[in-house]
Amino acid sequence: MPKKTEFVIATPVLASLDIQRSVEFFCSKLGFTKIHEEQGAYGIVSSGLVSIHFWACTDRKIAEASGCRVGVRGIERLYAKCVKSGIVHPNAPLAKAPWGTQEFAILDPDGNLITFYEPADA
């Protein structure tokens, strides 16, 4: 038995006003794969070891106050793709953060802030 608990993965669950639209956004704009889509209930997308879940919500203010951080490899390539798609948050272009990461953020169609990051020395 391990001597301590080790956390190994986290899965964000974001508010969605339209599950189908959320799933389509992450698949078409970011290259995720649809795992589950039940309009008005729940959705899941996945890419590699990263899954993002969506719960049906009717209050946009909840989504606009929510967000998550997703670690990536090859952040410059992802950033270029997001710039081309016009989804980079205007106040969060690719930049080095004081805590040692390169990162940028996007807003999904419901206002969730998704920040992508990579160690700056990667």
N, C-alpha and C. Protein backbone atom coordinates (compact mmCIF):
# COMPACT_ATOMS: atom_id res chain seq x y z
N MET A 1 0.85 -1.18 0.00
CA MET A 1 0.00 0.00 0.00
C MET A 1 0.90 1.25 0.00
N PRO A 2 0.58 2.25 -0.85
CA PRO A 2 1.39 3.46 -0.89
C PRO A 2 1.39 4.17 0.46
N LYS A 3 2.51 4.83 0.78
CA LYS A 3 2.63 5.55 2.05
C LYS A 3 1.88 6.87 2.05
N LYS A 4 1.57 7.39 0.86
CA LYS A 4 0.84 8.65 0.79
C LYS A 4 -0.09 8.64 -0.42
N THR A 5 -1.07 9.47 -0.37
CA THR A 5 -1.96 9.63 -1.51
C THR A 5 -1.25 10.44 -2.58
N GLU A 6 -1.41 10.02 -3.82
CA GLU A 6 -0.84 10.75 -4.96
C GLU A 6 -1.96 11.08 -5.94
N PHE A 7 -2.18 12.35 -6.18
CA PHE A 7 -3.17 12.77 -7.14
C PHE A 7 -2.56 12.65 -8.53
N VAL A 8 -3.27 12.04 -9.48
CA VAL A 8 -2.66 11.77 -10.78
C VAL A 8 -3.36 12.42 -11.97
N ILE A 9 -4.58 12.86 -11.83
CA ILE A 9 -5.26 13.51 -12.95
C ILE A 9 -6.44 14.32 -12.41
N ALA A 10 -6.76 15.39 -13.11
CA ALA A 10 -7.94 16.19 -12.79
C ALA A 10 -8.75 16.37 -14.06
N THR A 11 -10.04 16.36 -13.94
CA THR A 11 -10.92 16.52 -15.09
C THR A 11 -11.85 17.70 -14.86
N PRO A 12 -11.68 18.77 -15.63
CA PRO A 12 -12.58 19.91 -15.44
C PRO A 12 -14.00 19.58 -15.90
N VAL A 13 -14.96 20.16 -15.22
CA VAL A 13 -16.37 20.04 -15.59
C VAL A 13 -16.88 21.48 -15.73
N LEU A 14 -17.17 21.87 -16.96
CA LEU A 14 -17.54 23.25 -17.27
C LEU A 14 -19.03 23.40 -17.49
N ALA A 15 -19.55 24.55 -17.13
CA ALA A 15 -20.96 24.86 -17.39
C ALA A 15 -21.18 25.06 -18.88
N SER A 16 -22.28 24.55 -19.38
CA SER A 16 -22.61 24.68 -20.80
C SER A 16 -24.08 25.03 -20.97
N LEU A 17 -24.35 26.07 -21.74
CA LEU A 17 -25.73 26.44 -22.05
C LEU A 17 -26.29 25.59 -23.18
N ASP A 18 -25.39 24.95 -23.95
CA ASP A 18 -25.78 24.11 -25.09
C ASP A 18 -24.72 23.02 -25.23
N ILE A 19 -25.01 21.84 -24.72
CA ILE A 19 -24.05 20.74 -24.71
C ILE A 19 -23.54 20.43 -26.11
N GLN A 20 -24.43 20.36 -27.07
CA GLN A 20 -24.03 20.05 -28.45
C GLN A 20 -23.04 21.09 -28.98
N ARG A 21 -23.33 22.36 -28.75
CA ARG A 21 -22.44 23.44 -29.21
C ARG A 21 -21.08 23.36 -28.52
N SER A 22 -21.06 23.08 -27.22
CA SER A 22 -19.80 22.95 -26.49
C SER A 22 -18.94 21.82 -27.05
N VAL A 23 -19.55 20.67 -27.23
CA VAL A 23 -18.83 19.51 -27.76
C VAL A 23 -18.30 19.83 -29.16
N GLU A 24 -19.12 20.41 -30.00
CA GLU A 24 -18.71 20.76 -31.37
C GLU A 24 -17.56 21.76 -31.36
N PHE A 25 -17.61 22.75 -30.49
CA PHE A 25 -16.55 23.76 -30.40
C PHE A 25 -15.21 23.09 -30.08
N PHE A 26 -15.18 22.27 -29.05
CA PHE A 26 -13.92 21.64 -28.64
C PHE A 26 -13.41 20.66 -29.70
N CYS A 27 -14.31 20.01 -30.40
CA CYS A 27 -13.90 19.08 -31.46
C CYS A 27 -13.41 19.83 -32.70
N SER A 28 -14.16 20.81 -33.17
CA SER A 28 -13.81 21.49 -34.42
C SER A 28 -12.68 22.49 -34.25
N LYS A 29 -12.64 23.20 -33.15
CA LYS A 29 -11.63 24.25 -32.97
C LYS A 29 -10.34 23.76 -32.33
N LEU A 30 -10.43 22.71 -31.49
CA LEU A 30 -9.27 22.28 -30.70
C LEU A 30 -8.85 20.84 -30.97
N GLY A 31 -9.60 20.11 -31.78
CA GLY A 31 -9.21 18.75 -32.14
C GLY A 31 -9.56 17.67 -31.14
N PHE A 32 -10.46 17.95 -30.22
CA PHE A 32 -10.90 16.92 -29.28
C PHE A 32 -11.82 15.94 -30.00
N THR A 33 -12.06 14.80 -29.37
CA THR A 33 -12.97 13.78 -29.87
C THR A 33 -14.19 13.72 -28.97
N LYS A 34 -15.36 13.64 -29.57
CA LYS A 34 -16.59 13.52 -28.79
C LYS A 34 -16.67 12.14 -28.16
N ILE A 35 -16.89 12.11 -26.85
CA ILE A 35 -17.06 10.86 -26.11
C ILE A 35 -18.54 10.65 -25.78
N HIS A 36 -19.19 11.72 -25.36
CA HIS A 36 -20.61 11.63 -24.97
C HIS A 36 -21.26 12.98 -25.19
N GLU A 37 -22.48 12.95 -25.68
CA GLU A 37 -23.24 14.18 -25.87
C GLU A 37 -24.72 13.91 -25.64
N GLU A 38 -25.22 14.47 -24.56
CA GLU A 38 -26.65 14.36 -24.25
C GLU A 38 -27.17 15.76 -24.00
N GLN A 39 -27.81 16.32 -25.01
CA GLN A 39 -28.29 17.69 -24.95
C GLN A 39 -29.14 17.89 -23.70
N GLY A 40 -28.88 19.00 -23.01
CA GLY A 40 -29.64 19.32 -21.80
C GLY A 40 -29.20 18.53 -20.58
N ALA A 41 -28.13 17.74 -20.71
CA ALA A 41 -27.71 16.93 -19.57
C ALA A 41 -26.19 16.97 -19.38
N TYR A 42 -25.42 16.33 -20.26
CA TYR A 42 -24.00 16.15 -20.00
C TYR A 42 -23.26 15.89 -21.31
N GLY A 43 -22.00 16.32 -21.35
CA GLY A 43 -21.16 16.06 -22.50
C GLY A 43 -19.73 15.81 -22.08
N ILE A 44 -18.99 15.10 -22.92
CA ILE A 44 -17.58 14.80 -22.65
C ILE A 44 -16.81 14.83 -23.96
N VAL A 45 -15.65 15.50 -23.94
CA VAL A 45 -14.70 15.45 -25.05
C VAL A 45 -13.36 14.99 -24.49
N SER A 46 -12.51 14.47 -25.38
CA SER A 46 -11.24 13.94 -24.93
C SER A 46 -10.18 14.14 -26.00
N SER A 47 -8.95 14.35 -25.54
CA SER A 47 -7.79 14.38 -26.43
C SER A 47 -6.60 13.86 -25.62
N GLY A 48 -6.04 12.75 -26.04
CA GLY A 48 -4.96 12.15 -25.27
C GLY A 48 -5.43 11.82 -23.87
N LEU A 49 -4.69 12.27 -22.87
CA LEU A 49 -5.05 12.01 -21.47
C LEU A 49 -6.00 13.06 -20.90
N VAL A 50 -6.35 14.06 -21.70
CA VAL A 50 -7.20 15.16 -21.21
C VAL A 50 -8.65 14.93 -21.62
N SER A 51 -9.52 14.98 -20.63
CA SER A 51 -10.97 14.97 -20.87
C SER A 51 -11.55 16.24 -20.28
N ILE A 52 -12.54 16.79 -20.95
CA ILE A 52 -13.28 17.92 -20.41
C ILE A 52 -14.75 17.53 -20.44
N HIS A 53 -15.41 17.72 -19.32
CA HIS A 53 -16.83 17.40 -19.19
C HIS A 53 -17.63 18.69 -19.17
N PHE A 54 -18.88 18.60 -19.57
CA PHE A 54 -19.79 19.74 -19.57
C PHE A 54 -21.09 19.34 -18.89
N TRP A 55 -21.57 20.21 -18.02
CA TRP A 55 -22.88 19.98 -17.39
C TRP A 55 -23.83 21.05 -17.91
N ALA A 56 -25.07 20.66 -18.11
CA ALA A 56 -26.08 21.58 -18.64
C ALA A 56 -26.40 22.65 -17.61
N CYS A 57 -26.36 23.89 -18.05
CA CYS A 57 -26.56 25.04 -17.18
C CYS A 57 -27.43 26.04 -17.92
N THR A 58 -28.26 26.76 -17.22
CA THR A 58 -29.11 27.76 -17.87
C THR A 58 -28.69 29.19 -17.55
N ASP A 59 -27.65 29.36 -16.75
CA ASP A 59 -27.21 30.70 -16.33
C ASP A 59 -25.83 31.00 -16.89
N ARG A 60 -25.78 31.85 -17.91
CA ARG A 60 -24.50 32.18 -18.56
C ARG A 60 -23.49 32.77 -17.57
N LYS A 61 -23.98 33.45 -16.55
CA LYS A 61 -23.07 34.06 -15.57
C LYS A 61 -22.22 33.00 -14.86
N ILE A 62 -22.77 31.81 -14.68
CA ILE A 62 -21.99 30.74 -14.06
C ILE A 62 -20.83 30.35 -14.97
N ALA A 63 -21.10 30.15 -16.24
CA ALA A 63 -20.03 29.80 -17.19
C ALA A 63 -19.01 30.93 -17.29
N GLU A 64 -19.47 32.16 -17.32
CA GLU A 64 -18.56 33.30 -17.44
C GLU A 64 -17.67 33.47 -16.21
N ALA A 65 -18.03 32.82 -15.12
CA ALA A 65 -17.22 32.90 -13.90
C ALA A 65 -16.41 31.60 -13.70
N SER A 66 -16.38 30.75 -14.73
CA SER A 66 -15.71 29.46 -14.62
C SER A 66 -14.56 29.36 -15.59
N GLY A 67 -13.68 28.44 -15.33
CA GLY A 67 -12.57 28.20 -16.23
C GLY A 67 -11.76 27.01 -15.79
N CYS A 68 -10.73 26.71 -16.57
CA CYS A 68 -9.82 25.63 -16.23
C CYS A 68 -8.48 25.87 -16.91
N ARG A 69 -7.49 25.13 -16.48
CA ARG A 69 -6.15 25.18 -17.06
C ARG A 69 -5.84 23.81 -17.63
N VAL A 70 -5.27 23.80 -18.84
CA VAL A 70 -4.95 22.55 -19.53
C VAL A 70 -3.48 22.59 -19.94
N GLY A 71 -2.70 21.65 -19.43
CA GLY A 71 -1.30 21.54 -19.81
C GLY A 71 -1.18 20.92 -21.18
N VAL A 72 -0.27 21.46 -22.00
CA VAL A 72 -0.07 20.96 -23.37
C VAL A 72 1.42 20.84 -23.67
N ARG A 73 1.73 20.16 -24.75
CA ARG A 73 3.05 20.15 -25.37
C ARG A 73 2.87 20.74 -26.75
N GLY A 74 3.76 21.62 -27.15
CA GLY A 74 3.64 22.26 -28.46
C GLY A 74 2.69 23.44 -28.43
N ILE A 75 2.84 24.29 -27.43
CA ILE A 75 1.90 25.39 -27.23
C ILE A 75 1.91 26.39 -28.39
N GLU A 76 3.07 26.61 -29.02
CA GLU A 76 3.11 27.56 -30.13
C GLU A 76 2.22 27.10 -31.28
N ARG A 77 2.23 25.81 -31.58
CA ARG A 77 1.40 25.25 -32.65
C ARG A 77 -0.08 25.42 -32.31
N LEU A 78 -0.45 25.12 -31.05
CA LEU A 78 -1.85 25.28 -30.63
C LEU A 78 -2.25 26.75 -30.68
N TYR A 79 -1.37 27.61 -30.24
CA TYR A 79 -1.65 29.04 -30.26
C TYR A 79 -1.91 29.52 -31.69
N ALA A 80 -1.07 29.11 -32.63
CA ALA A 80 -1.26 29.51 -34.03
C ALA A 80 -2.62 29.03 -34.56
N LYS A 81 -3.00 27.82 -34.19
CA LYS A 81 -4.30 27.28 -34.61
C LYS A 81 -5.45 28.10 -34.03
N CYS A 82 -5.33 28.47 -32.76
CA CYS A 82 -6.38 29.24 -32.11
C CYS A 82 -6.45 30.67 -32.65
N VAL A 83 -5.30 31.27 -32.96
CA VAL A 83 -5.29 32.60 -33.58
C VAL A 83 -6.01 32.53 -34.92
N LYS A 84 -5.68 31.53 -35.72
CA LYS A 84 -6.31 31.37 -37.04
C LYS A 84 -7.83 31.20 -36.91
N SER A 85 -8.26 30.51 -35.85
CA SER A 85 -9.70 30.31 -35.62
C SER A 85 -10.37 31.52 -34.97
N GLY A 86 -9.57 32.50 -34.54
CA GLY A 86 -10.13 33.70 -33.93
C GLY A 86 -10.71 33.49 -32.55
N ILE A 87 -10.14 32.55 -31.78
CA ILE A 87 -10.73 32.25 -30.47
C ILE A 87 -9.84 32.63 -29.29
N VAL A 88 -8.67 33.22 -29.56
CA VAL A 88 -7.79 33.64 -28.46
C VAL A 88 -8.42 34.82 -27.73
N HIS A 89 -8.44 34.75 -26.41
CA HIS A 89 -8.97 35.86 -25.61
C HIS A 89 -8.12 37.09 -25.88
N PRO A 90 -8.74 38.24 -26.15
CA PRO A 90 -7.96 39.44 -26.49
C PRO A 90 -7.02 39.91 -25.37
N ASN A 91 -7.31 39.55 -24.15
CA ASN A 91 -6.45 39.94 -23.02
C ASN A 91 -5.51 38.84 -22.58
N ALA A 92 -5.42 37.75 -23.36
CA ALA A 92 -4.59 36.62 -22.92
C ALA A 92 -3.83 35.98 -24.07
N PRO A 93 -3.02 36.77 -24.80
CA PRO A 93 -2.20 36.17 -25.86
C PRO A 93 -1.07 35.34 -25.25
N LEU A 94 -0.40 34.58 -26.09
CA LEU A 94 0.71 33.76 -25.63
C LEU A 94 1.78 34.63 -24.97
N ALA A 95 2.13 34.28 -23.75
CA ALA A 95 3.12 35.05 -22.99
C ALA A 95 3.73 34.16 -21.92
N LYS A 96 4.92 34.55 -21.46
CA LYS A 96 5.56 33.85 -20.36
C LYS A 96 4.99 34.40 -19.05
N ALA A 97 4.55 33.50 -18.19
CA ALA A 97 4.00 33.89 -16.89
C ALA A 97 5.11 33.90 -15.84
N PRO A 98 4.97 34.71 -14.80
CA PRO A 98 6.00 34.79 -13.75
C PRO A 98 6.24 33.47 -13.03
N TRP A 99 5.30 32.54 -13.11
CA TRP A 99 5.45 31.26 -12.41
C TRP A 99 6.07 30.19 -13.31
N GLY A 100 6.64 30.59 -14.47
CA GLY A 100 7.46 29.67 -15.25
C GLY A 100 6.77 28.91 -16.36
N THR A 101 5.63 29.40 -16.81
CA THR A 101 4.95 28.76 -17.93
C THR A 101 4.77 29.74 -19.07
N GLN A 102 4.61 29.19 -20.26
CA GLN A 102 4.11 29.96 -21.40
C GLN A 102 2.64 29.62 -21.46
N GLU A 103 1.78 30.61 -21.64
CA GLU A 103 0.35 30.32 -21.65
C GLU A 103 -0.44 31.35 -22.43
N PHE A 104 -1.64 30.92 -22.82
CA PHE A 104 -2.62 31.80 -23.44
C PHE A 104 -3.99 31.25 -23.11
N ALA A 105 -5.02 32.05 -23.35
CA ALA A 105 -6.37 31.62 -22.99
C ALA A 105 -7.35 31.87 -24.13
N ILE A 106 -8.41 31.09 -24.10
CA ILE A 106 -9.53 31.27 -25.02
C ILE A 106 -10.81 31.32 -24.20
N LEU A 107 -11.87 31.80 -24.81
CA LEU A 107 -13.20 31.71 -24.23
C LEU A 107 -14.00 30.74 -25.09
N ASP A 108 -14.69 29.80 -24.46
CA ASP A 108 -15.58 28.94 -25.24
C ASP A 108 -16.88 29.69 -25.50
N PRO A 109 -17.79 29.15 -26.29
CA PRO A 109 -19.02 29.88 -26.64
C PRO A 109 -19.88 30.32 -25.46
N ASP A 110 -19.71 29.69 -24.30
CA ASP A 110 -20.50 30.05 -23.12
C ASP A 110 -19.78 30.98 -22.17
N GLY A 111 -18.51 31.30 -22.48
CA GLY A 111 -17.76 32.22 -21.64
C GLY A 111 -16.80 31.59 -20.66
N ASN A 112 -16.68 30.25 -20.66
CA ASN A 112 -15.67 29.59 -19.82
C ASN A 112 -14.29 29.99 -20.32
N LEU A 113 -13.40 30.34 -19.40
CA LEU A 113 -12.03 30.69 -19.75
C LEU A 113 -11.17 29.43 -19.67
N ILE A 114 -10.57 29.05 -20.80
CA ILE A 114 -9.69 27.89 -20.84
C ILE A 114 -8.28 28.41 -21.10
N THR A 115 -7.38 28.17 -20.14
CA THR A 115 -5.99 28.59 -20.27
C THR A 115 -5.14 27.38 -20.60
N PHE A 116 -4.39 27.47 -21.68
CA PHE A 116 -3.45 26.42 -22.07
C PHE A 116 -2.07 26.84 -21.63
N TYR A 117 -1.31 25.91 -21.08
CA TYR A 117 0.02 26.26 -20.58
C TYR A 117 1.02 25.15 -20.84
N GLU A 118 2.30 25.55 -20.85
CA GLU A 118 3.40 24.63 -21.02
C GLU A 118 4.57 25.20 -20.24
N PRO A 119 5.39 24.34 -19.61
CA PRO A 119 6.58 24.88 -18.94
C PRO A 119 7.39 25.72 -19.92
N ALA A 120 7.85 26.88 -19.48
CA ALA A 120 8.54 27.81 -20.37
C ALA A 120 9.84 27.23 -20.92
N ASP A 121 10.43 26.29 -20.21
CA ASP A 121 11.69 25.70 -20.68
C ASP A 121 11.47 24.46 -21.54
N ALA A 122 10.22 24.17 -21.91
CA ALA A 122 9.93 22.98 -22.72
C ALA A 122 10.37 23.16 -24.16
